[in-house]
């Protein structure tokens, strides 16, 4: 059985996972928890982007916007823990 080629979303999320691990030394899940300042399982997309910049995770603006769009499945402006896990599982 052959494996399908990774789609663009899968590649973006894989690259993001690798960059977080290489730059910050933690998993995307741990990075999300670090961004969750209210400890409620929800991170504002802009706060998430600001943390990416603060921790010098190398991404251009377009790529960062696409990654957060994938994670914010319902386009609410927030990434929930459930949305994060869904995006990481599906892609």
C-alpha atoms as a PDB file:
ATOM      1  CA  UNK A   1       0.000   0.000   0.000  1.00  0.00           C
ATOM      2  CA  UNK A   2       1.538   3.317  -1.037  1.00  0.00           C
ATOM      3  CA  UNK A   3       1.456   6.450   1.044  1.00  0.00           C
ATOM      4  CA  UNK A   4      -0.203   9.479  -0.500  1.00  0.00           C
ATOM      5  CA  UNK A   5       1.934  12.546  -1.073  1.00  0.00           C
ATOM      6  CA  UNK A   6       1.652  15.121   1.659  1.00  0.00           C
ATOM      7  CA  UNK A   7      -0.622  18.013   0.768  1.00  0.00           C
ATOM      8  CA  UNK A   8       0.388  21.647   1.237  1.00  0.00           C
ATOM      9  CA  UNK A   9      -1.342  21.932   4.623  1.00  0.00           C
ATOM     10  CA  UNK A  10       0.365  18.811   5.913  1.00  0.00           C
ATOM     11  CA  UNK A  11       3.745  20.127   4.768  1.00  0.00           C
ATOM     12  CA  UNK A  12       3.154  23.498   6.432  1.00  0.00           C
ATOM     13  CA  UNK A  13       2.174  21.950   9.752  1.00  0.00           C
ATOM     14  CA  UNK A  14       5.072  19.484   9.606  1.00  0.00           C
ATOM     15  CA  UNK A  15       7.515  22.325   8.938  1.00  0.00           C
ATOM     16  CA  UNK A  16       5.952  24.375  11.740  1.00  0.00           C
ATOM     17  CA  UNK A  17       6.317  21.449  14.169  1.00  0.00           C
ATOM     18  CA  UNK A  18       9.960  21.047  13.176  1.00  0.00           C
ATOM     19  CA  UNK A  19      10.691  24.765  13.545  1.00  0.00           C
ATOM     20  CA  UNK A  20       9.101  24.924  16.991  1.00  0.00           C
ATOM     21  CA  UNK A  21      11.084  21.883  18.100  1.00  0.00           C
ATOM     22  CA  UNK A  22      14.366  23.155  16.627  1.00  0.00           C
ATOM     23  CA  UNK A  23      13.993  26.762  17.803  1.00  0.00           C
ATOM     24  CA  UNK A  24      12.219  26.497  21.152  1.00  0.00           C
ATOM     25  CA  UNK A  25      12.980  22.856  21.958  1.00  0.00           C
ATOM     26  CA  UNK A  26       9.400  21.903  22.811  1.00  0.00           C
ATOM     27  CA  UNK A  27       6.448  20.291  21.045  1.00  0.00           C
ATOM     28  CA  UNK A  28       3.718  22.309  19.338  1.00  0.00           C
ATOM     29  CA  UNK A  29       1.380  21.168  22.106  1.00  0.00           C
ATOM     30  CA  UNK A  30       3.729  22.560  24.775  1.00  0.00           C
ATOM     31  CA  UNK A  31       4.138  25.752  22.738  1.00  0.00           C
ATOM     32  CA  UNK A  32       0.341  26.114  22.639  1.00  0.00           C
ATOM     33  CA  UNK A  33       0.176  25.696  26.428  1.00  0.00           C
ATOM     34  CA  UNK A  34       2.887  28.352  26.775  1.00  0.00           C
ATOM     35  CA  UNK A  35       0.751  30.714  24.635  1.00  0.00           C
ATOM     36  CA  UNK A  36      -2.366  29.970  26.709  1.00  0.00           C
ATOM     37  CA  UNK A  37      -1.832  32.712  29.311  1.00  0.00           C
ATOM     38  CA  UNK A  38      -5.351  32.311  30.756  1.00  0.00           C
ATOM     39  CA  UNK A  39      -5.011  28.513  31.054  1.00  0.00           C
ATOM     40  CA  UNK A  40      -8.412  28.040  29.441  1.00  0.00           C
ATOM     41  CA  UNK A  41      -7.428  26.024  26.361  1.00  0.00           C
ATOM     42  CA  UNK A  42      -7.914  28.984  24.004  1.00  0.00           C
ATOM     43  CA  UNK A  43      -5.269  31.183  22.357  1.00  0.00           C
ATOM     44  CA  UNK A  44      -6.019  34.311  20.356  1.00  0.00           C
ATOM     45  CA  UNK A  45      -4.547  33.977  16.828  1.00  0.00           C
ATOM     46  CA  UNK A  46      -2.704  37.300  17.142  1.00  0.00           C
ATOM     47  CA  UNK A  47      -1.242  36.259  20.509  1.00  0.00           C
ATOM     48  CA  UNK A  48      -0.115  32.984  18.917  1.00  0.00           C
ATOM     49  CA  UNK A  49       1.559  34.873  16.062  1.00  0.00           C
ATOM     50  CA  UNK A  50       3.231  37.248  18.530  1.00  0.00           C
ATOM     51  CA  UNK A  51       4.647  34.291  20.467  1.00  0.00           C
ATOM     52  CA  UNK A  52       6.014  32.820  17.225  1.00  0.00           C
ATOM     53  CA  UNK A  53       7.774  36.143  16.582  1.00  0.00           C
ATOM     54  CA  UNK A  54       8.918  36.523  20.212  1.00  0.00           C
ATOM     55  CA  UNK A  55      10.553  33.092  20.155  1.00  0.00           C
ATOM     56  CA  UNK A  56      12.151  33.794  16.771  1.00  0.00           C
ATOM     57  CA  UNK A  57      10.531  30.857  15.011  1.00  0.00           C
ATOM     58  CA  UNK A  58      11.498  31.515  11.403  1.00  0.00           C
ATOM     59  CA  UNK A  59       8.334  31.985   9.312  1.00  0.00           C
ATOM     60  CA  UNK A  60       7.280  34.593   6.798  1.00  0.00           C
ATOM     61  CA  UNK A  61       3.982  36.365   7.381  1.00  0.00           C
ATOM     62  CA  UNK A  62       2.084  34.464   4.710  1.00  0.00           C
ATOM     63  CA  UNK A  63       3.165  31.084   6.029  1.00  0.00           C
ATOM     64  CA  UNK A  64       2.327  32.073   9.597  1.00  0.00           C
ATOM     65  CA  UNK A  65      -1.124  33.260   8.504  1.00  0.00           C
ATOM     66  CA  UNK A  66      -1.779  29.997   6.652  1.00  0.00           C
ATOM     67  CA  UNK A  67      -0.660  27.881   9.629  1.00  0.00           C
ATOM     68  CA  UNK A  68      -2.962  29.784  11.977  1.00  0.00           C
ATOM     69  CA  UNK A  69      -5.836  29.542   9.466  1.00  0.00           C
ATOM     70  CA  UNK A  70      -5.423  25.768   9.425  1.00  0.00           C
ATOM     71  CA  UNK A  71      -5.397  25.647  13.225  1.00  0.00           C
ATOM     72  CA  UNK A  72      -8.330  28.073  13.652  1.00  0.00           C
ATOM     73  CA  UNK A  73     -10.761  25.772  11.878  1.00  0.00           C
ATOM     74  CA  UNK A  74     -13.901  27.779  12.666  1.00  0.00           C
ATOM     75  CA  UNK A  75     -12.253  31.145  11.792  1.00  0.00           C
ATOM     76  CA  UNK A  76     -13.233  32.578  15.176  1.00  0.00           C
ATOM     77  CA  UNK A  77      -9.914  34.366  15.739  1.00  0.00           C
ATOM     78  CA  UNK A  78      -9.023  31.896  18.497  1.00  0.00           C
ATOM     79  CA  UNK A  79      -7.278  28.544  18.391  1.00  0.00           C
ATOM     80  CA  UNK A  80      -8.751  26.085  20.848  1.00  0.00           C
ATOM     81  CA  UNK A  81      -6.907  23.084  22.180  1.00  0.00           C
ATOM     82  CA  UNK A  82      -9.397  20.863  20.328  1.00  0.00           C
ATOM     83  CA  UNK A  83      -8.742  22.708  17.041  1.00  0.00           C
ATOM     84  CA  UNK A  84      -4.979  22.382  17.533  1.00  0.00           C
ATOM     85  CA  UNK A  85      -5.172  18.639  18.145  1.00  0.00           C
ATOM     86  CA  UNK A  86      -7.591  18.193  15.248  1.00  0.00           C
ATOM     87  CA  UNK A  87      -5.247  20.030  12.862  1.00  0.00           C
ATOM     88  CA  UNK A  88      -2.220  18.054  14.049  1.00  0.00           C
ATOM     89  CA  UNK A  89      -4.115  14.768  13.760  1.00  0.00           C
ATOM     90  CA  UNK A  90      -5.772  15.381  10.405  1.00  0.00           C
ATOM     91  CA  UNK A  91      -2.666  16.689   8.677  1.00  0.00           C
END
